[in-house]
Amino acid sequence: MKKGIILVLAICIGLAIDAKANTNKPHSSADQLRKEVAAHFKGQDLSFLEKNVEVVKVSFLINAKNELVISNVEGEDVSACDYVKTTLNFKHVDFAPVKQLARYAVEIRLVK
């Protein structure tokens, strides 16, 4: 009986230590996707922008080939919206979607 109690106690302690070790909060998948999409605009020539900063909201799906399929682009500057759509449409991403053909939306800041 004494060995059984010690064994149960040891298992409980082992599970508690393991559960505590996994409390680190991983990066949210939406944040990872936003960073990957925004990386397509690093180092690009944005001199055509009317303002110094343009915010564009992009709605898209990820197809079976892990490509972005742009469905909607919203923003104040039409040329910025067109640029974002042509730059991102059918670009490959490493993000693995949880659900096939789920709709995603991210905001992109374009800085001149």
PDB file of N, CA and C in Angstrom:
ATOM      1  N   MET A   1       0.827  -1.191   0.000  1.00  0.00           N
ATOM      2  CA  MET A   1       0.000   0.000   0.000  1.00  0.00           C
ATOM      3  C   MET A   1       0.865   1.246   0.000  1.00  0.00           C
ATOM      4  N   LYS A   2       1.942   1.226   0.777  1.00  0.00           N
ATOM      5  CA  LYS A   2       2.829   2.372   0.876  1.00  0.00           C
ATOM      6  C   LYS A   2       3.505   2.646  -0.473  1.00  0.00           C
ATOM      7  N   LYS A   3       3.890   1.555  -1.170  1.00  0.00           N
ATOM      8  CA  LYS A   3       4.527   1.720  -2.481  1.00  0.00           C
ATOM      9  C   LYS A   3       3.543   2.291  -3.495  1.00  0.00           C
ATOM     10  N   GLY A   4       2.276   1.899  -3.398  1.00  0.00           N
ATOM     11  CA  GLY A   4       1.246   2.408  -4.305  1.00  0.00           C
ATOM     12  C   GLY A   4       1.034   3.902  -4.129  1.00  0.00           C
ATOM     13  N   ILE A   5       1.020   4.372  -2.893  1.00  0.00           N
ATOM     14  CA  ILE A   5       0.844   5.803  -2.622  1.00  0.00           C
ATOM     15  C   ILE A   5       2.046   6.587  -3.128  1.00  0.00           C
ATOM     16  N   ILE A   6       3.227   6.059  -2.914  1.00  0.00           N
ATOM     17  CA  ILE A   6       4.445   6.738  -3.392  1.00  0.00           C
ATOM     18  C   ILE A   6       4.444   6.784  -4.912  1.00  0.00           C
ATOM     19  N   LEU A   7       4.034   5.719  -5.570  1.00  0.00           N
ATOM     20  CA  LEU A   7       3.981   5.677  -7.025  1.00  0.00           C
ATOM     21  C   LEU A   7       2.978   6.692  -7.563  1.00  0.00           C
ATOM     22  N   VAL A   8       1.799   6.772  -6.973  1.00  0.00           N
ATOM     23  CA  VAL A   8       0.781   7.732  -7.396  1.00  0.00           C
ATOM     24  C   VAL A   8       1.277   9.159  -7.174  1.00  0.00           C
ATOM     25  N   LEU A   9       1.928   9.402  -6.059  1.00  0.00           N
ATOM     26  CA  LEU A   9       2.472  10.721  -5.755  1.00  0.00           C
ATOM     27  C   LEU A   9       3.559  11.099  -6.758  1.00  0.00           C
ATOM     28  N   ALA A  10       4.408  10.158  -7.089  1.00  0.00           N
ATOM     29  CA  ALA A  10       5.478  10.418  -8.068  1.00  0.00           C
ATOM     30  C   ALA A  10       4.902  10.729  -9.446  1.00  0.00           C
ATOM     31  N   ILE A  11       3.861  10.035  -9.847  1.00  0.00           N
ATOM     32  CA  ILE A  11       3.216  10.303 -11.137  1.00  0.00           C
ATOM     33  C   ILE A  11       2.584  11.687 -11.139  1.00  0.00           C
ATOM     34  N   CYS A  12       1.923  12.047 -10.051  1.00  0.00           N
ATOM     35  CA  CYS A  12       1.302  13.374  -9.952  1.00  0.00           C
ATOM     36  C   CYS A  12       2.340  14.484 -10.028  1.00  0.00           C
ATOM     37  N   ILE A  13       3.456  14.307  -9.356  1.00  0.00           N
ATOM     38  CA  ILE A  13       4.525  15.314  -9.393  1.00  0.00           C
ATOM     39  C   ILE A  13       5.105  15.402 -10.794  1.00  0.00           C
ATOM     40  N   GLY A  14       5.298  14.258 -11.425  1.00  0.00           N
ATOM     41  CA  GLY A  14       5.822  14.249 -12.791  1.00  0.00           C
ATOM     42  C   GLY A  14       4.897  14.965 -13.765  1.00  0.00           C
ATOM     43  N   LEU A  15       3.598  14.744 -13.645  1.00  0.00           N
ATOM     44  CA  LEU A  15       2.634  15.425 -14.506  1.00  0.00           C
ATOM     45  C   LEU A  15       2.578  16.918 -14.214  1.00  0.00           C
ATOM     46  N   ALA A  16       2.693  17.302 -12.958  1.00  0.00           N
ATOM     47  CA  ALA A  16       2.661  18.720 -12.589  1.00  0.00           C
ATOM     48  C   ALA A  16       3.869  19.448 -13.151  1.00  0.00           C
ATOM     49  N   ILE A  17       5.033  18.823 -13.107  1.00  0.00           N
ATOM     50  CA  ILE A  17       6.245  19.456 -13.644  1.00  0.00           C
ATOM     51  C   ILE A  17       6.127  19.588 -15.152  1.00  0.00           C
ATOM     52  N   ASP A  18       5.618  18.570 -15.820  1.00  0.00           N
ATOM     53  CA  ASP A  18       5.457  18.607 -17.267  1.00  0.00           C
ATOM     54  C   ASP A  18       4.442  19.665 -17.676  1.00  0.00           C
ATOM     55  N   ALA A  19       3.347  19.782 -16.952  1.00  0.00           N
ATOM     56  CA  ALA A  19       2.323  20.774 -17.262  1.00  0.00           C
ATOM     57  C   ALA A  19       2.859  22.186 -17.062  1.00  0.00           C
ATOM     58  N   LYS A  20       3.669  22.379 -16.052  1.00  0.00           N
ATOM     59  CA  LYS A  20       4.231  23.697 -15.796  1.00  0.00           C
ATOM     60  C   LYS A  20       5.256  24.077 -16.861  1.00  0.00           C
ATOM     61  N   ALA A  21       5.953  23.103 -17.414  1.00  0.00           N
ATOM     62  CA  ALA A  21       6.958  23.369 -18.436  1.00  0.00           C
ATOM     63  C   ALA A  21       6.325  23.846 -19.737  1.00  0.00           C
ATOM     64  N   ASN A  22       5.066  23.513 -19.989  1.00  0.00           N
ATOM     65  CA  ASN A  22       4.401  23.892 -21.226  1.00  0.00           C
ATOM     66  C   ASN A  22       3.582  25.166 -21.107  1.00  0.00           C
ATOM     67  N   THR A  23       3.850  25.998 -20.117  1.00  0.00           N
ATOM     68  CA  THR A  23       3.080  27.220 -19.933  1.00  0.00           C
ATOM     69  C   THR A  23       3.604  28.377 -20.780  1.00  0.00           C
ATOM     70  N   ASN A  24       4.694  28.209 -21.482  1.00  0.00           N
ATOM     71  CA  ASN A  24       5.182  29.265 -22.364  1.00  0.00           C
ATOM     72  C   ASN A  24       4.150  29.492 -23.458  1.00  0.00           C
ATOM     73  N   LYS A  25       3.807  30.750 -23.674  1.00  0.00           N
ATOM     74  CA  LYS A  25       2.785  31.075 -24.655  1.00  0.00           C
ATOM     75  C   LYS A  25       3.429  31.170 -26.033  1.00  0.00           C
ATOM     76  N   PRO A  26       3.076  30.279 -26.957  1.00  0.00           N
ATOM     77  CA  PRO A  26       3.662  30.352 -28.291  1.00  0.00           C
ATOM     78  C   PRO A  26       3.080  31.529 -29.054  1.00  0.00           C
ATOM     79  N   HIS A  27       3.771  31.941 -30.112  1.00  0.00           N
ATOM     80  CA  HIS A  27       3.256  33.011 -30.949  1.00  0.00           C
ATOM     81  C   HIS A  27       1.936  32.553 -31.572  1.00  0.00           C
ATOM     82  N   SER A  28       0.976  33.446 -31.583  1.00  0.00           N
ATOM     83  CA  SER A  28      -0.302  33.066 -32.170  1.00  0.00           C
ATOM     84  C   SER A  28      -0.123  32.867 -33.667  1.00  0.00           C
ATOM     85  N   SER A  29      -0.870  31.971 -34.208  1.00  0.00           N
ATOM     86  CA  SER A  29      -0.721  31.650 -35.620  1.00  0.00           C
ATOM     87  C   SER A  29      -1.118  32.835 -36.500  1.00  0.00           C
ATOM     88  N   ALA A  30      -2.096  33.615 -36.074  1.00  0.00           N
ATOM     89  CA  ALA A  30      -2.496  34.785 -36.843  1.00  0.00           C
ATOM     90  C   ALA A  30      -1.367  35.810 -36.884  1.00  0.00           C
ATOM     91  N   ASP A  31      -0.653  35.971 -35.794  1.00  0.00           N
ATOM     92  CA  ASP A  31       0.479  36.889 -35.762  1.00  0.00           C
ATOM     93  C   ASP A  31       1.598  36.406 -36.676  1.00  0.00           C
ATOM     94  N   GLN A  32       1.842  35.116 -36.672  1.00  0.00           N
ATOM     95  CA  GLN A  32       2.868  34.538 -37.544  1.00  0.00           C
ATOM     96  C   GLN A  32       2.482  34.744 -39.014  1.00  0.00           C
ATOM     97  N   LEU A  33       1.228  34.552 -39.353  1.00  0.00           N
ATOM     98  CA  LEU A  33       0.759  34.749 -40.721  1.00  0.00           C
ATOM     99  C   LEU A  33       0.891  36.204 -41.137  1.00  0.00           C
ATOM    100  N   ARG A  34       0.525  37.129 -40.245  1.00  0.00           N
ATOM    101  CA  ARG A  34       0.632  38.564 -40.558  1.00  0.00           C
ATOM    102  C   ARG A  34       2.064  38.949 -40.860  1.00  0.00           C
ATOM    103  N   LYS A  35       3.009  38.434 -40.059  1.00  0.00           N
ATOM    104  CA  LYS A  35       4.420  38.748 -40.280  1.00  0.00           C
ATOM    105  C   LYS A  35       4.913  38.179 -41.606  1.00  0.00           C
ATOM    106  N   GLU A  36       4.459  36.988 -41.940  1.00  0.00           N
ATOM    107  CA  GLU A  36       4.894  36.370 -43.189  1.00  0.00           C
ATOM    108  C   GLU A  36       4.351  37.127 -44.399  1.00  0.00           C
ATOM    109  N   VAL A  37       3.103  37.589 -44.312  1.00  0.00           N
ATOM    110  CA  VAL A  37       2.513  38.364 -45.400  1.00  0.00           C
ATOM    111  C   VAL A  37       3.209  39.718 -45.518  1.00  0.00           C
ATOM    112  N   ALA A  38       3.468  40.370 -44.395  1.00  0.00           N
ATOM    113  CA  ALA A  38       4.113  41.680 -44.401  1.00  0.00           C
ATOM    114  C   ALA A  38       5.556  41.600 -44.911  1.00  0.00           C
ATOM    115  N   ALA A  39       6.189  40.453 -44.788  1.00  0.00           N
ATOM    116  CA  ALA A  39       7.575  40.297 -45.236  1.00  0.00           C
ATOM    117  C   ALA A  39       7.708  40.449 -46.749  1.00  0.00           C
ATOM    118  N   HIS A  40       6.638  40.276 -47.497  1.00  0.00           N
ATOM    119  CA  HIS A  40       6.687  40.442 -48.950  1.00  0.00           C
ATOM    120  C   HIS A  40       6.911  41.895 -49.347  1.00  0.00           C
ATOM    121  N   PHE A  41       6.733  42.821 -48.411  1.00  0.00           N
ATOM    122  CA  PHE A  41       6.862  44.242 -48.725  1.00  0.00           C
ATOM    123  C   PHE A  41       8.146  44.864 -48.176  1.00  0.00           C
ATOM    124  N   LYS A  42       8.989  44.073 -47.533  1.00  0.00           N
ATOM    125  CA  LYS A  42      10.260  44.589 -47.007  1.00  0.00           C
ATOM    126  C   LYS A  42      11.178  44.962 -48.167  1.00  0.00           C
ATOM    127  N   GLY A  43      11.708  46.162 -48.121  1.00  0.00           N
ATOM    128  CA  GLY A  43      12.681  46.608 -49.113  1.00  0.00           C
ATOM    129  C   GLY A  43      12.094  46.939 -50.478  1.00  0.00           C
ATOM    130  N   GLN A  44      10.787  47.068 -50.585  1.00  0.00           N
ATOM    131  CA  GLN A  44      10.148  47.395 -51.856  1.00  0.00           C
ATOM    132  C   GLN A  44      10.122  48.914 -52.059  1.00  0.00           C
ATOM    133  N   ASP A  45      10.133  49.343 -53.302  1.00  0.00           N
ATOM    134  CA  ASP A  45      10.055  50.763 -53.634  1.00  0.00           C
ATOM    135  C   ASP A  45       8.600  51.204 -53.550  1.00  0.00           C
ATOM    136  N   LEU A  46       8.298  52.046 -52.576  1.00  0.00           N
ATOM    137  CA  LEU A  46       6.941  52.518 -52.362  1.00  0.00           C
ATOM    138  C   LEU A  46       6.821  54.018 -52.618  1.00  0.00           C
ATOM    139  N   SER A  47       7.623  54.542 -53.530  1.00  0.00           N
ATOM    140  CA  SER A  47       7.627  55.979 -53.800  1.00  0.00           C
ATOM    141  C   SER A  47       6.342  56.452 -54.477  1.00  0.00           C
ATOM    142  N   PHE A  48       5.539  55.539 -55.022  1.00  0.00           N
ATOM    143  CA  PHE A  48       4.298  55.901 -55.687  1.00  0.00           C
ATOM    144  C   PHE A  48       3.189  56.282 -54.704  1.00  0.00           C
ATOM    145  N   LEU A  49       3.372  56.007 -53.412  1.00  0.00           N
ATOM    146  CA  LEU A  49       2.332  56.296 -52.422  1.00  0.00           C
ATOM    147  C   LEU A  49       2.091  57.793 -52.298  1.00  0.00           C
ATOM    148  N   GLU A  50       0.825  58.181 -52.152  1.00  0.00           N
ATOM    149  CA  GLU A  50       0.479  59.587 -51.997  1.00  0.00           C
ATOM    150  C   GLU A  50       0.853  60.107 -50.610  1.00  0.00           C
ATOM    151  N   LYS A  51       0.595  59.283 -49.583  1.00  0.00           N
ATOM    152  CA  LYS A  51       0.938  59.649 -48.207  1.00  0.00           C
ATOM    153  C   LYS A  51       2.193  58.896 -47.788  1.00  0.00           C
ATOM    154  N   ASN A  52       2.771  59.313 -46.671  1.00  0.00           N
ATOM    155  CA  ASN A  52       3.950  58.606 -46.160  1.00  0.00           C
ATOM    156  C   ASN A  52       3.598  57.230 -45.615  1.00  0.00           C
ATOM    157  N   VAL A  53       2.392  57.082 -45.062  1.00  0.00           N
ATOM    158  CA  VAL A  53       1.952  55.809 -44.500  1.00  0.00           C
ATOM    159  C   VAL A  53       0.560  55.491 -45.024  1.00  0.00           C
ATOM    160  N   GLU A  54       0.402  54.315 -45.570  1.00  0.00           N
ATOM    161  CA  GLU A  54      -0.896  53.836 -46.025  1.00  0.00           C
ATOM    162  C   GLU A  54      -1.205  52.527 -45.303  1.00  0.00           C
ATOM    163  N   VAL A  55      -2.424  52.386 -44.833  1.00  0.00           N
ATOM    164  CA  VAL A  55      -2.870  51.145 -44.190  1.00  0.00           C
ATOM    165  C   VAL A  55      -3.859  50.471 -45.132  1.00  0.00           C
ATOM    166  N   VAL A  56      -3.564  49.213 -45.453  1.00  0.00           N
ATOM    167  CA  VAL A  56      -4.396  48.449 -46.373  1.00  0.00           C
ATOM    168  C   VAL A  56      -4.830  47.171 -45.670  1.00  0.00           C
ATOM    169  N   LYS A  57      -6.133  46.890 -45.701  1.00  0.00           N
ATOM    170  CA  LYS A  57      -6.660  45.661 -45.117  1.00  0.00           C
ATOM    171  C   LYS A  57      -6.888  44.653 -46.244  1.00  0.00           C
ATOM    172  N   VAL A  58      -6.287  43.474 -46.085  1.00  0.00           N
ATOM    173  CA  VAL A  58      -6.334  42.440 -47.115  1.00  0.00           C
ATOM    174  C   VAL A  58      -7.089  41.226 -46.576  1.00  0.00           C
ATOM    175  N   SER A  59      -8.078  40.763 -47.330  1.00  0.00           N
ATOM    176  CA  SER A  59      -8.786  39.522 -47.014  1.00  0.00           C
ATOM    177  C   SER A  59      -8.376  38.480 -48.038  1.00  0.00           C
ATOM    178  N   PHE A  60      -8.097  37.266 -47.550  1.00  0.00           N
ATOM    179  CA  PHE A  60      -7.614  36.234 -48.468  1.00  0.00           C
ATOM    180  C   PHE A  60      -7.907  34.845 -47.930  1.00  0.00           C
ATOM    181  N   LEU A  61      -7.730  33.875 -48.798  1.00  0.00           N
ATOM    182  CA  LEU A  61      -7.811  32.461 -48.471  1.00  0.00           C
ATOM    183  C   LEU A  61      -6.448  31.850 -48.753  1.00  0.00           C
ATOM    184  N   ILE A  62      -6.182  30.694 -48.167  1.00  0.00           N
ATOM    185  CA  ILE A  62      -4.960  29.953 -48.477  1.00  0.00           C
ATOM    186  C   ILE A  62      -5.414  28.658 -49.142  1.00  0.00           C
ATOM    187  N   ASN A  63      -4.969  28.456 -50.402  1.00  0.00           N
ATOM    188  CA  ASN A  63      -5.419  27.279 -51.145  1.00  0.00           C
ATOM    189  C   ASN A  63      -4.603  26.042 -50.772  1.00  0.00           C
ATOM    190  N   ALA A  64      -4.840  24.940 -51.460  1.00  0.00           N
ATOM    191  CA  ALA A  64      -4.181  23.667 -51.152  1.00  0.00           C
ATOM    192  C   ALA A  64      -2.680  23.701 -51.411  1.00  0.00           C
ATOM    193  N   LYS A  65      -2.223  24.617 -52.267  1.00  0.00           N
ATOM    194  CA  LYS A  65      -0.795  24.746 -52.563  1.00  0.00           C
ATOM    195  C   LYS A  65      -0.096  25.740 -51.624  1.00  0.00           C
ATOM    196  N   ASN A  66      -0.773  26.154 -50.563  1.00  0.00           N
ATOM    197  CA  ASN A  66      -0.295  27.167 -49.607  1.00  0.00           C
ATOM    198  C   ASN A  66       0.002  28.497 -50.300  1.00  0.00           C
ATOM    199  N   GLU A  67      -0.871  28.878 -51.209  1.00  0.00           N
ATOM    200  CA  GLU A  67      -0.762  30.166 -51.887  1.00  0.00           C
ATOM    201  C   GLU A  67      -1.876  31.083 -51.406  1.00  0.00           C
ATOM    202  N   LEU A  68      -1.563  32.366 -51.335  1.00  0.00           N
ATOM    203  CA  LEU A  68      -2.570  33.357 -50.956  1.00  0.00           C
ATOM    204  C   LEU A  68      -3.480  33.622 -52.145  1.00  0.00           C
ATOM    205  N   VAL A  69      -4.767  33.587 -51.919  1.00  0.00           N
ATOM    206  CA  VAL A  69      -5.748  33.941 -52.943  1.00  0.00           C
ATOM    207  C   VAL A  69      -6.498  35.157 -52.415  1.00  0.00           C
ATOM    208  N   ILE A  70      -6.178  36.311 -52.960  1.00  0.00           N
ATOM    209  CA  ILE A  70      -6.716  37.579 -52.474  1.00  0.00           C
ATOM    210  C   ILE A  70      -8.177  37.707 -52.890  1.00  0.00           C
ATOM    211  N   SER A  71      -9.038  38.008 -51.919  1.00  0.00           N
ATOM    212  CA  SER A  71     -10.460  38.180 -52.230  1.00  0.00           C
ATOM    213  C   SER A  71     -10.891  39.638 -52.129  1.00  0.00           C
ATOM    214  N   ASN A  72     -10.272  40.410 -51.228  1.00  0.00           N
ATOM    215  CA  ASN A  72     -10.675  41.802 -51.062  1.00  0.00           C
ATOM    216  C   ASN A  72      -9.510  42.615 -50.513  1.00  0.00           C
ATOM    217  N   VAL A  73      -9.367  43.836 -51.026  1.00  0.00           N
ATOM    218  CA  VAL A  73      -8.349  44.761 -50.537  1.00  0.00           C
ATOM    219  C   VAL A  73      -9.035  46.097 -50.297  1.00  0.00           C
ATOM    220  N   GLU A  74      -8.889  46.634 -49.067  1.00  0.00           N
ATOM    221  CA  GLU A  74      -9.521  47.899 -48.711  1.00  0.00           C
ATOM    222  C   GLU A  74      -8.471  48.888 -48.232  1.00  0.00           C
ATOM    223  N   GLY A  75      -8.609  50.130 -48.662  1.00  0.00           N
ATOM    224  CA  GLY A  75      -7.717  51.191 -48.222  1.00  0.00           C
ATOM    225  C   GLY A  75      -8.113  52.505 -48.870  1.00  0.00           C
ATOM    226  N   GLU A  76      -7.488  53.591 -48.424  1.00  0.00           N
ATOM    227  CA  GLU A  76      -7.822  54.902 -48.966  1.00  0.00           C
ATOM    228  C   GLU A  76      -7.206  55.129 -50.342  1.00  0.00           C
ATOM    229  N   ASP A  77      -6.003  54.649 -50.558  1.00  0.00           N
ATOM    230  CA  ASP A  77      -5.280  54.867 -51.811  1.00  0.00           C
ATOM    231  C   ASP A  77      -5.509  53.674 -52.748  1.00  0.00           C
ATOM    232  N   VAL A  78      -6.129  53.935 -53.899  1.00  0.00           N
ATOM    233  CA  VAL A  78      -6.445  52.869 -54.850  1.00  0.00           C
ATOM    234  C   VAL A  78      -5.174  52.238 -55.411  1.00  0.00           C
ATOM    235  N   SER A  79      -4.154  53.052 -55.677  1.00  0.00           N
ATOM    236  CA  SER A  79      -2.908  52.496 -56.222  1.00  0.00           C
ATOM    237  C   SER A  79      -2.207  51.591 -55.197  1.00  0.00           C
ATOM    238  N   ALA A  80      -2.298  51.918 -53.919  1.00  0.00           N
ATOM    239  CA  ALA A  80      -1.723  51.073 -52.878  1.00  0.00           C
ATOM    240  C   ALA A  80      -2.472  49.749 -52.799  1.00  0.00           C
ATOM    241  N   CYS A  81      -3.792  49.800 -52.927  1.00  0.00           N
ATOM    242  CA  CYS A  81      -4.598  48.573 -52.902  1.00  0.00           C
ATOM    243  C   CYS A  81      -4.258  47.673 -54.086  1.00  0.00           C
ATOM    244  N   ASP A  82      -4.135  48.268 -55.270  1.00  0.00           N
ATOM    245  CA  ASP A  82      -3.772  47.491 -56.458  1.00  0.00           C
ATOM    246  C   ASP A  82      -2.389  46.883 -56.323  1.00  0.00           C
ATOM    247  N   TYR A  83      -1.451  47.644 -55.764  1.00  0.00           N
ATOM    248  CA  TYR A  83      -0.091  47.153 -55.576  1.00  0.00           C
ATOM    249  C   TYR A  83      -0.053  45.962 -54.623  1.00  0.00           C
ATOM    250  N   VAL A  84      -0.792  46.075 -53.529  1.00  0.00           N
ATOM    251  CA  VAL A  84      -0.833  44.983 -52.550  1.00  0.00           C
ATOM    252  C   VAL A  84      -1.456  43.745 -53.176  1.00  0.00           C
ATOM    253  N   LYS A  85      -2.522  43.917 -53.944  1.00  0.00           N
ATOM    254  CA  LYS A  85      -3.188  42.777 -54.561  1.00  0.00           C
ATOM    255  C   LYS A  85      -2.281  42.074 -55.561  1.00  0.00           C
ATOM    256  N   THR A  86      -1.605  42.821 -56.413  1.00  0.00           N
ATOM    257  CA  THR A  86      -0.732  42.185 -57.405  1.00  0.00           C
ATOM    258  C   THR A  86       0.506  41.576 -56.759  1.00  0.00           C
ATOM    259  N   THR A  87       0.975  42.156 -55.662  1.00  0.00           N
ATOM    260  CA  THR A  87       2.161  41.628 -54.990  1.00  0.00           C
ATOM    261  C   THR A  87       1.861  40.330 -54.256  1.00  0.00           C
ATOM    262  N   LEU A  88       0.697  40.237 -53.629  1.00  0.00           N
ATOM    263  CA  LEU A  88       0.397  39.081 -52.785  1.00  0.00           C
ATOM    264  C   LEU A  88      -0.346  37.947 -53.480  1.00  0.00           C
ATOM    265  N   ASN A  89      -1.076  38.235 -54.556  1.00  0.00           N
ATOM    266  CA  ASN A  89      -1.929  37.216 -55.153  1.00  0.00           C
ATOM    267  C   ASN A  89      -1.111  36.022 -55.636  1.00  0.00           C
ATOM    268  N   PHE A  90      -1.449  34.852 -55.156  1.00  0.00           N
ATOM    269  CA  PHE A  90      -0.823  33.560 -55.470  1.00  0.00           C
ATOM    270  C   PHE A  90       0.632  33.461 -55.018  1.00  0.00           C
ATOM    271  N   LYS A  91       1.000  34.194 -53.965  1.00  0.00           N
ATOM    272  CA  LYS A  91       2.327  34.047 -53.361  1.00  0.00           C
ATOM    273  C   LYS A  91       2.301  32.891 -52.374  1.00  0.00           C
ATOM    274  N   HIS A  92       3.370  32.124 -52.346  1.00  0.00           N
ATOM    275  CA  HIS A  92       3.483  30.970 -51.455  1.00  0.00           C
ATOM    276  C   HIS A  92       3.798  31.435 -50.033  1.00  0.00           C
ATOM    277  N   VAL A  93       3.155  30.798 -49.045  1.00  0.00           N
ATOM    278  CA  VAL A  93       3.440  31.049 -47.638  1.00  0.00           C
ATOM    279  C   VAL A  93       3.739  29.723 -46.955  1.00  0.00           C
ATOM    280  N   ASP A  94       4.508  29.764 -45.880  1.00  0.00           N
ATOM    281  CA  ASP A  94       4.837  28.573 -45.116  1.00  0.00           C
ATOM    282  C   ASP A  94       3.805  28.266 -44.039  1.00  0.00           C
ATOM    283  N   PHE A  95       2.865  29.165 -43.836  1.00  0.00           N
ATOM    284  CA  PHE A  95       1.831  29.022 -42.819  1.00  0.00           C
ATOM    285  C   PHE A  95       0.932  27.833 -43.166  1.00  0.00           C
ATOM    286  N   ALA A  96       0.707  26.966 -42.194  1.00  0.00           N
ATOM    287  CA  ALA A  96      -0.185  25.818 -42.387  1.00  0.00           C
ATOM    288  C   ALA A  96      -1.540  26.138 -41.781  1.00  0.00           C
ATOM    289  N   PRO A  97      -2.559  26.363 -42.603  1.00  0.00           N
ATOM    290  CA  PRO A  97      -3.869  26.726 -42.055  1.00  0.00           C
ATOM    291  C   PRO A  97      -4.496  25.572 -41.282  1.00  0.00           C
ATOM    292  N   VAL A  98      -5.221  25.922 -40.254  1.00  0.00           N
ATOM    293  CA  VAL A  98      -5.898  24.926 -39.432  1.00  0.00           C
ATOM    294  C   VAL A  98      -7.053  24.306 -40.215  1.00  0.00           C
ATOM    295  N   LYS A  99      -7.762  25.146 -40.944  1.00  0.00           N
ATOM    296  CA  LYS A  99      -8.920  24.693 -41.710  1.00  0.00           C
ATOM    297  C   LYS A  99      -8.726  25.085 -43.173  1.00  0.00           C
ATOM    298  N   GLN A 100      -9.002  24.164 -44.086  1.00  0.00           N
ATOM    299  CA  GLN A 100      -8.851  24.415 -45.516  1.00  0.00           C
ATOM    300  C   GLN A 100      -9.779  25.537 -45.960  1.00  0.00           C
ATOM    301  N   LEU A 101      -9.261  26.459 -46.743  1.00  0.00           N
ATOM    302  CA  LEU A 101     -10.000  27.582 -47.316  1.00  0.00           C
ATOM    303  C   LEU A 101     -10.683  28.471 -46.286  1.00  0.00           C
ATOM    304  N   ALA A 102     -10.046  28.662 -45.157  1.00  0.00           N
ATOM    305  CA  ALA A 102     -10.549  29.596 -44.147  1.00  0.00           C
ATOM    306  C   ALA A 102     -10.206  31.017 -44.590  1.00  0.00           C
ATOM    307  N   ARG A 103     -11.062  31.960 -44.272  1.00  0.00           N
ATOM    308  CA  ARG A 103     -10.836  33.357 -44.651  1.00  0.00           C
ATOM    309  C   ARG A 103      -9.979  34.036 -43.578  1.00  0.00           C
ATOM    310  N   TYR A 104      -8.946  34.747 -44.025  1.00  0.00           N
ATOM    311  CA  TYR A 104      -8.063  35.488 -43.144  1.00  0.00           C
ATOM    312  C   TYR A 104      -8.077  36.953 -43.559  1.00  0.00           C
ATOM    313  N   ALA A 105      -7.809  37.834 -42.617  1.00  0.00           N
ATOM    314  CA  ALA A 105      -7.705  39.256 -42.901  1.00  0.00           C
ATOM    315  C   ALA A 105      -6.563  39.832 -42.086  1.00  0.00           C
ATOM    316  N   VAL A 106      -5.697  40.599 -42.750  1.00  0.00           N
ATOM    317  CA  VAL A 106      -4.589  41.259 -42.074  1.00  0.00           C
ATOM    318  C   VAL A 106      -4.504  42.699 -42.539  1.00  0.00           C
ATOM    319  N   GLU A 107      -3.971  43.538 -41.671  1.00  0.00           N
ATOM    320  CA  GLU A 107      -3.718  44.934 -42.030  1.00  0.00           C
ATOM    321  C   GLU A 107      -2.234  45.082 -42.313  1.00  0.00           C
ATOM    322  N   ILE A 108      -1.931  45.766 -43.393  1.00  0.00           N
ATOM    323  CA  ILE A 108      -0.552  45.992 -43.799  1.00  0.00           C
ATOM    324  C   ILE A 108      -0.287  47.479 -43.818  1.00  0.00           C
ATOM    325  N   ARG A 109       0.790  47.909 -43.156  1.00  0.00           N
ATOM    326  CA  ARG A 109       1.194  49.325 -43.184  1.00  0.00           C
ATOM    327  C   ARG A 109       2.280  49.479 -44.208  1.00  0.00           C
ATOM    328  N   LEU A 110       2.035  50.269 -45.215  1.00  0.00           N
ATOM    329  CA  LEU A 110       3.023  50.584 -46.230  1.00  0.00           C
ATOM    330  C   LEU A 110       3.633  51.932 -45.888  1.00  0.00           C
ATOM    331  N   VAL A 111       4.925  51.970 -45.683  1.00  0.00           N
ATOM    332  CA  VAL A 111       5.612  53.206 -45.310  1.00  0.00           C
ATOM    333  C   VAL A 111       6.545  53.608 -46.425  1.00  0.00           C
ATOM    334  N   LYS A 112       6.403  54.840 -46.890  1.00  0.00           N
ATOM    335  CA  LYS A 112       7.210  55.363 -47.991  1.00  0.00           C
ATOM    336  C   LYS A 112       8.666  55.455 -47.629  1.00  0.00           C
TER     337      LYS A 112
END
